N, C-alpha and C. Protein backbone atom coordinates (compact mmCIF):
# COMPACT_ATOMS: atom_id res chain seq x y z
N MET A 1 -5.81 10.68 11.44
CA MET A 1 -5.76 11.18 10.19
C MET A 1 -6.57 12.44 10.41
N THR A 2 -6.16 13.58 10.04
CA THR A 2 -7.36 14.86 9.79
C THR A 2 -7.54 14.94 8.80
N PRO A 3 -8.93 15.01 9.01
CA PRO A 3 -9.80 15.26 7.47
C PRO A 3 -9.43 16.25 6.26
N ALA A 4 -9.86 15.31 5.29
CA ALA A 4 -9.47 16.33 4.12
C ALA A 4 -9.80 17.38 4.24
N LYS A 5 -8.79 18.42 3.28
CA LYS A 5 -9.19 19.70 3.82
C LYS A 5 -9.47 20.16 1.58
N ARG A 6 -9.77 21.49 1.61
CA ARG A 6 -9.26 22.06 0.36
C ARG A 6 -8.04 22.04 -0.34
N GLY A 7 -8.29 21.54 -1.82
CA GLY A 7 -7.23 21.21 -1.87
C GLY A 7 -6.08 19.96 -2.38
N ASP A 8 -6.75 18.98 -1.25
CA ASP A 8 -6.66 17.90 -1.08
C ASP A 8 -7.52 17.02 -2.51
N ARG A 9 -6.00 15.55 -2.33
CA ARG A 9 -6.24 15.13 -3.89
C ARG A 9 -8.12 14.23 -3.45
N VAL A 10 -8.87 14.00 -4.48
CA VAL A 10 -9.52 13.40 -4.24
C VAL A 10 -9.86 11.59 -4.12
N ALA A 11 -9.81 10.97 -3.10
CA ALA A 11 -9.76 9.23 -2.92
C ALA A 11 -11.01 8.69 -3.74
N PRO A 12 -10.45 7.76 -4.70
CA PRO A 12 -12.16 7.36 -5.02
C PRO A 12 -12.46 6.45 -3.70
N PRO A 13 -13.75 6.14 -3.97
CA PRO A 13 -14.44 4.74 -2.84
C PRO A 13 -13.87 3.37 -4.00
N ALA A 14 -13.79 2.25 -2.92
CA ALA A 14 -13.79 1.64 -3.74
C ALA A 14 -14.90 1.01 -4.48
N GLN A 15 -14.56 0.03 -5.44
CA GLN A 15 -15.67 -0.23 -6.57
C GLN A 15 -16.34 -1.62 -6.04
N PRO A 16 -17.69 -1.89 -6.40
CA PRO A 16 -17.99 -3.22 -5.59
C PRO A 16 -16.38 -4.67 -6.25
N GLY A 17 -16.76 -5.40 -5.47
CA GLY A 17 -16.02 -6.12 -5.62
C GLY A 17 -14.55 -6.06 -5.47
N GLN A 18 -14.24 -4.55 -5.44
CA GLN A 18 -12.71 -4.30 -4.87
C GLN A 18 -12.50 -4.20 -3.94
N TRP A 19 -11.21 -4.34 -3.20
CA TRP A 19 -10.57 -3.66 -1.68
C TRP A 19 -10.76 -1.91 -1.73
N LEU A 20 -10.79 -1.78 -0.56
CA LEU A 20 -10.97 -0.38 -0.06
C LEU A 20 -9.63 -0.17 0.78
N LEU A 21 -8.48 0.59 -0.33
CA LEU A 21 -7.12 1.12 0.77
C LEU A 21 -7.55 2.93 1.59
N LYS A 22 -6.71 2.44 2.97
CA LYS A 22 -6.70 3.23 3.49
C LYS A 22 -5.39 3.37 3.83
N PHE A 23 -5.16 4.58 4.86
CA PHE A 23 -3.87 4.76 5.28
C PHE A 23 -3.80 4.67 6.58
N GLY A 24 -2.63 3.58 6.85
CA GLY A 24 -2.90 3.58 8.33
C GLY A 24 -2.07 4.33 9.11
N THR A 25 -0.97 5.41 8.56
CA THR A 25 -0.31 6.14 9.31
C THR A 25 -0.01 7.24 8.30
N ASN A 26 0.15 8.34 9.43
CA ASN A 26 0.10 9.94 8.24
C ASN A 26 1.75 9.71 7.29
N ASP A 27 2.85 8.98 8.32
CA ASP A 27 3.93 9.18 7.09
C ASP A 27 3.40 7.96 6.05
N ALA A 28 2.56 7.42 5.77
CA ALA A 28 2.30 6.62 4.98
C ALA A 28 1.42 7.76 3.77
N ALA A 29 1.14 8.56 4.20
CA ALA A 29 0.30 9.02 3.42
C ALA A 29 0.91 10.35 2.85
N LYS A 30 2.27 10.28 3.81
CA LYS A 30 2.77 11.56 2.95
C LYS A 30 4.23 10.48 2.08
N GLY A 31 4.17 9.48 2.01
CA GLY A 31 4.97 8.82 1.41
C GLY A 31 4.46 8.63 -0.22
N TRP A 32 3.20 8.29 -0.23
CA TRP A 32 2.37 8.53 -0.94
C TRP A 32 2.51 9.12 -2.52
N GLU A 33 2.52 10.47 -1.98
CA GLU A 33 2.27 11.78 -2.31
C GLU A 33 3.81 12.21 -3.29
N ASP A 34 4.98 11.11 -2.45
CA ASP A 34 6.05 11.55 -3.05
C ASP A 34 5.95 10.51 -4.19
N LEU A 35 5.89 9.54 -3.21
CA LEU A 35 5.55 8.33 -4.61
C LEU A 35 5.24 9.15 -5.46
N SER A 36 4.11 9.62 -5.62
CA SER A 36 2.82 10.17 -6.66
C SER A 36 3.91 10.77 -7.33
N ARG A 37 4.53 11.50 -6.64
CA ARG A 37 5.41 13.04 -7.86
C ARG A 37 6.71 12.57 -8.47
N GLN A 38 7.01 11.32 -7.82
CA GLN A 38 8.43 10.90 -8.67
C GLN A 38 7.69 9.88 -9.84
N ALA A 39 6.98 8.87 -9.45
CA ALA A 39 6.67 7.26 -9.92
C ALA A 39 5.41 7.21 -10.01
N ALA A 40 4.45 8.29 -10.81
CA ALA A 40 2.97 8.40 -10.70
C ALA A 40 2.67 6.65 -11.55
N SER A 41 3.02 6.66 -12.75
CA SER A 41 2.61 5.89 -13.78
C SER A 41 2.62 4.49 -12.89
N ASN A 42 4.17 3.86 -11.99
CA ASN A 42 4.13 2.41 -11.85
C ASN A 42 3.10 2.67 -10.40
N LEU A 43 2.68 4.41 -8.87
CA LEU A 43 2.04 4.26 -8.27
C LEU A 43 0.90 3.63 -9.07
N TRP A 44 0.36 4.14 -10.17
CA TRP A 44 -1.02 4.54 -10.65
C TRP A 44 -1.37 2.42 -10.61
N GLU A 45 -0.16 1.48 -11.25
CA GLU A 45 -0.20 0.09 -11.62
C GLU A 45 -0.15 -0.25 -9.67
N ALA A 46 0.32 -0.08 -9.00
CA ALA A 46 0.21 -0.41 -7.49
C ALA A 46 -1.19 -0.52 -7.08
N TYR A 47 -1.13 0.62 -7.24
CA TYR A 47 -3.01 0.67 -6.74
C TYR A 47 -3.95 -0.25 -7.40
N GLU A 48 -3.77 -0.09 -8.56
CA GLU A 48 -4.67 -0.99 -8.95
C GLU A 48 -4.35 -2.89 -8.87
N ALA A 49 -3.30 -3.03 -8.91
CA ALA A 49 -2.93 -4.18 -8.24
C ALA A 49 -3.68 -4.16 -6.89
N ILE A 50 -3.00 -3.45 -6.21
CA ILE A 50 -3.93 -4.10 -5.09
C ILE A 50 -5.11 -3.95 -4.60
N ARG A 51 -5.76 -3.20 -4.91
CA ARG A 51 -7.07 -3.10 -4.60
C ARG A 51 -7.97 -4.25 -5.27
N LEU A 52 -7.67 -4.99 -6.69
CA LEU A 52 -7.70 -5.92 -7.15
C LEU A 52 -7.90 -7.41 -6.22
N ASP A 53 -6.54 -7.16 -5.85
CA ASP A 53 -5.91 -8.29 -5.41
C ASP A 53 -4.81 -8.35 -4.68
N PRO A 54 -4.63 -7.96 -3.55
CA PRO A 54 -3.75 -7.55 -2.14
C PRO A 54 -2.98 -8.55 -1.70
N ALA A 55 -3.37 -10.05 -2.31
CA ALA A 55 -2.65 -10.75 -1.53
C ALA A 55 -2.95 -11.79 -3.03
N PRO A 56 -1.86 -11.61 -3.78
CA PRO A 56 -1.84 -12.77 -5.42
C PRO A 56 -1.44 -14.25 -4.79
N PHE A 57 -1.64 -15.38 -5.31
CA PHE A 57 -1.32 -16.32 -5.17
C PHE A 57 -1.38 -16.47 -6.34
N PRO A 58 -0.10 -17.36 -7.05
CA PRO A 58 1.41 -16.91 -7.10
C PRO A 58 1.75 -15.46 -6.63
N PRO A 59 2.42 -15.14 -5.99
CA PRO A 59 3.07 -13.91 -5.40
C PRO A 59 3.72 -13.59 -6.32
N THR A 60 3.94 -12.30 -7.09
CA THR A 60 4.67 -11.93 -8.12
C THR A 60 6.21 -11.11 -7.16
N LYS A 61 7.31 -10.90 -8.30
CA LYS A 61 8.60 -10.23 -7.98
C LYS A 61 8.23 -8.99 -7.47
N ARG A 62 7.47 -8.59 -7.85
CA ARG A 62 7.10 -6.92 -7.12
C ARG A 62 6.09 -7.37 -6.66
N HIS A 63 4.97 -7.95 -6.00
CA HIS A 63 4.13 -8.30 -5.30
C HIS A 63 4.14 -9.05 -4.32
N HIS A 64 4.23 -9.56 -3.31
CA HIS A 64 4.84 -10.39 -2.07
C HIS A 64 4.42 -10.40 -0.92
N ARG A 65 3.95 -11.98 -0.20
CA ARG A 65 4.38 -11.00 1.74
C ARG A 65 5.36 -11.14 2.32
N LEU A 66 5.52 -9.87 2.71
CA LEU A 66 6.78 -10.16 3.67
C LEU A 66 7.31 -11.24 4.36
N LYS A 67 8.60 -11.21 5.00
CA LYS A 67 8.66 -13.20 5.13
C LYS A 67 9.11 -12.16 6.64
N GLY A 68 9.01 -13.77 7.59
CA GLY A 68 9.41 -14.05 9.15
C GLY A 68 8.90 -12.66 10.10
N ALA A 69 9.28 -12.05 10.89
CA ALA A 69 8.75 -11.22 12.07
C ALA A 69 7.51 -10.37 11.10
N LEU A 70 8.20 -9.39 10.07
CA LEU A 70 7.71 -8.70 9.15
C LEU A 70 6.45 -9.05 8.27
N GLY A 71 5.78 -10.68 8.71
CA GLY A 71 5.23 -10.56 7.70
C GLY A 71 3.51 -11.29 8.13
N THR A 72 3.22 -10.71 9.35
CA THR A 72 2.03 -10.54 10.42
C THR A 72 2.41 -9.46 11.22
N VAL A 73 1.45 -8.59 11.57
CA VAL A 73 1.16 -7.40 11.84
C VAL A 73 -0.28 -7.55 13.01
N ASP A 74 -0.55 -7.03 13.95
CA ASP A 74 -1.69 -7.16 14.83
C ASP A 74 -2.85 -8.28 13.87
N GLY A 75 -2.02 -9.45 13.80
CA GLY A 75 -3.07 -10.27 13.24
C GLY A 75 -3.47 -10.52 11.69
N MET A 76 -2.75 -9.87 10.92
CA MET A 76 -3.10 -9.58 9.75
C MET A 76 -1.69 -9.36 9.19
N GLU A 77 -1.92 -10.04 7.26
CA GLU A 77 -0.60 -11.13 6.49
C GLU A 77 -0.40 -9.12 6.21
N GLN A 78 1.29 -8.94 5.84
CA GLN A 78 1.70 -7.89 5.22
C GLN A 78 2.39 -8.10 4.93
N TRP A 79 2.19 -7.23 3.66
CA TRP A 79 2.40 -7.61 2.06
C TRP A 79 3.42 -6.19 1.29
N GLN A 80 4.07 -6.86 0.78
CA GLN A 80 4.78 -5.58 -0.28
C GLN A 80 4.64 -5.16 -1.70
N TYR A 81 4.35 -3.56 -2.14
CA TYR A 81 4.60 -3.66 -3.69
C TYR A 81 5.94 -2.95 -3.96
N GLU A 82 6.74 -3.41 -4.57
CA GLU A 82 7.94 -2.79 -5.16
C GLU A 82 7.29 -1.69 -6.61
N VAL A 83 7.40 -0.72 -6.03
CA VAL A 83 6.85 0.52 -7.28
C VAL A 83 7.89 0.53 -8.18
N THR A 84 9.00 0.67 -7.47
CA THR A 84 10.62 1.12 -7.85
C THR A 84 11.37 0.58 -7.55
N ALA A 85 12.24 0.59 -8.41
CA ALA A 85 13.82 -0.48 -7.82
C ALA A 85 14.02 -0.29 -6.26
N GLY A 86 13.41 0.95 -5.52
CA GLY A 86 13.72 1.04 -4.09
C GLY A 86 12.20 2.02 -4.08
N GLY A 87 11.84 1.90 -4.68
CA GLY A 87 9.95 2.46 -3.62
C GLY A 87 9.12 1.21 -2.95
N ARG A 88 8.92 1.68 -2.11
CA ARG A 88 7.79 0.25 -1.71
C ARG A 88 6.53 0.83 -0.99
N ILE A 89 5.63 -0.06 -1.12
CA ILE A 89 4.46 0.23 -0.33
C ILE A 89 4.58 -1.19 0.27
N TRP A 90 4.04 -0.94 1.99
CA TRP A 90 3.86 -2.09 2.53
C TRP A 90 2.63 -2.06 3.07
N TYR A 91 1.89 -3.13 3.06
CA TYR A 91 0.45 -2.60 3.73
C TYR A 91 -0.48 -3.75 4.78
N LEU A 92 -1.33 -3.91 5.12
CA LEU A 92 -2.18 -5.36 5.87
C LEU A 92 -3.16 -5.46 5.22
N VAL A 93 -3.44 -6.97 5.11
CA VAL A 93 -4.51 -6.91 4.15
C VAL A 93 -5.55 -7.24 5.74
N ASP A 94 -6.66 -7.01 5.88
CA ASP A 94 -8.09 -6.73 6.38
C ASP A 94 -8.83 -7.72 5.70
N ALA A 95 -9.14 -9.08 5.52
CA ALA A 95 -10.21 -9.88 4.62
C ALA A 95 -11.20 -9.53 5.17
N ALA A 96 -11.61 -9.77 6.82
CA ALA A 96 -12.84 -9.37 7.03
C ALA A 96 -13.63 -7.99 6.86
N LYS A 97 -12.89 -6.85 6.79
CA LYS A 97 -13.83 -5.78 6.30
C LYS A 97 -13.20 -5.35 4.99
N LYS A 98 -12.98 -6.51 4.04
CA LYS A 98 -12.25 -6.13 2.59
C LYS A 98 -10.98 -4.65 2.64
N THR A 99 -10.51 -4.31 3.60
CA THR A 99 -9.92 -3.17 3.48
C THR A 99 -8.46 -3.73 3.12
N VAL A 100 -7.56 -2.52 2.65
CA VAL A 100 -5.93 -2.59 3.13
C VAL A 100 -5.51 -1.57 3.51
N TRP A 101 -4.43 -1.93 4.93
CA TRP A 101 -4.24 -0.40 5.11
C TRP A 101 -2.78 -0.36 4.90
N ILE A 102 -2.63 0.41 4.43
CA ILE A 102 -0.65 1.23 3.74
C ILE A 102 -0.09 1.40 5.32
N ARG A 103 0.07 0.99 5.88
CA ARG A 103 1.53 1.47 6.42
C ARG A 103 2.77 2.12 5.79
N VAL A 104 3.00 1.62 4.95
CA VAL A 104 4.61 2.46 4.74
C VAL A 104 4.49 2.18 2.93
N ALA A 105 5.23 3.65 3.33
CA ALA A 105 5.00 3.57 1.03
C ALA A 105 5.98 4.75 1.11
N GLY A 106 6.57 5.16 0.14
CA GLY A 106 8.09 5.88 -0.20
C GLY A 106 8.84 5.62 -1.36
N CYS A 107 9.64 6.63 -1.59
CA CYS A 107 10.29 6.63 -2.59
C CYS A 107 11.58 5.83 -2.10
N GLY A 108 11.96 5.46 -0.96
CA GLY A 108 13.74 4.57 -0.35
C GLY A 108 12.77 3.37 0.14
N HIS A 109 13.75 2.46 0.40
CA HIS A 109 13.40 1.24 0.82
C HIS A 109 13.21 1.14 2.27
N PRO A 110 12.27 0.79 2.68
CA PRO A 110 12.22 0.83 4.27
C PRO A 110 12.99 0.15 5.23
N LYS A 111 13.90 1.12 5.91
CA LYS A 111 14.82 0.55 6.60
C LYS A 111 14.59 -0.45 7.61
N ALA A 112 12.99 -1.43 7.89
CA ALA A 112 13.06 -2.01 9.14
C ALA A 112 13.40 -3.52 8.06
N SER A 113 13.70 -3.32 6.61
CA SER A 113 14.02 -4.71 5.95
C SER A 113 15.47 -4.54 5.84
N ASP A 114 16.11 -3.59 6.09
CA ASP A 114 17.04 -4.23 5.67
C ASP A 114 18.50 -4.75 6.87
């Protein structure tokens, strides 16, 4: 990923006891910006929910682990947060590093789950 540059948004660091969110792909970073423009309030709620508890138990209708082959990637659980009716965030939970790796973010439903 390219380093931050002039004009980029400043990402807040993780607060003590909360999870650090990082982009796992450049496409996820671009999709995050698209979501920010189209559904900023919903994206803020998703961000807060994920950094506080990325793997909630019990899962909710909007925030749940993906099923089947999509449920685990590189040995980590893959979760989804439904930001809008079509907008999604897919991410991996790295419990050892208390880090969430955002792999997919965007205003449209991810093709892999169709």
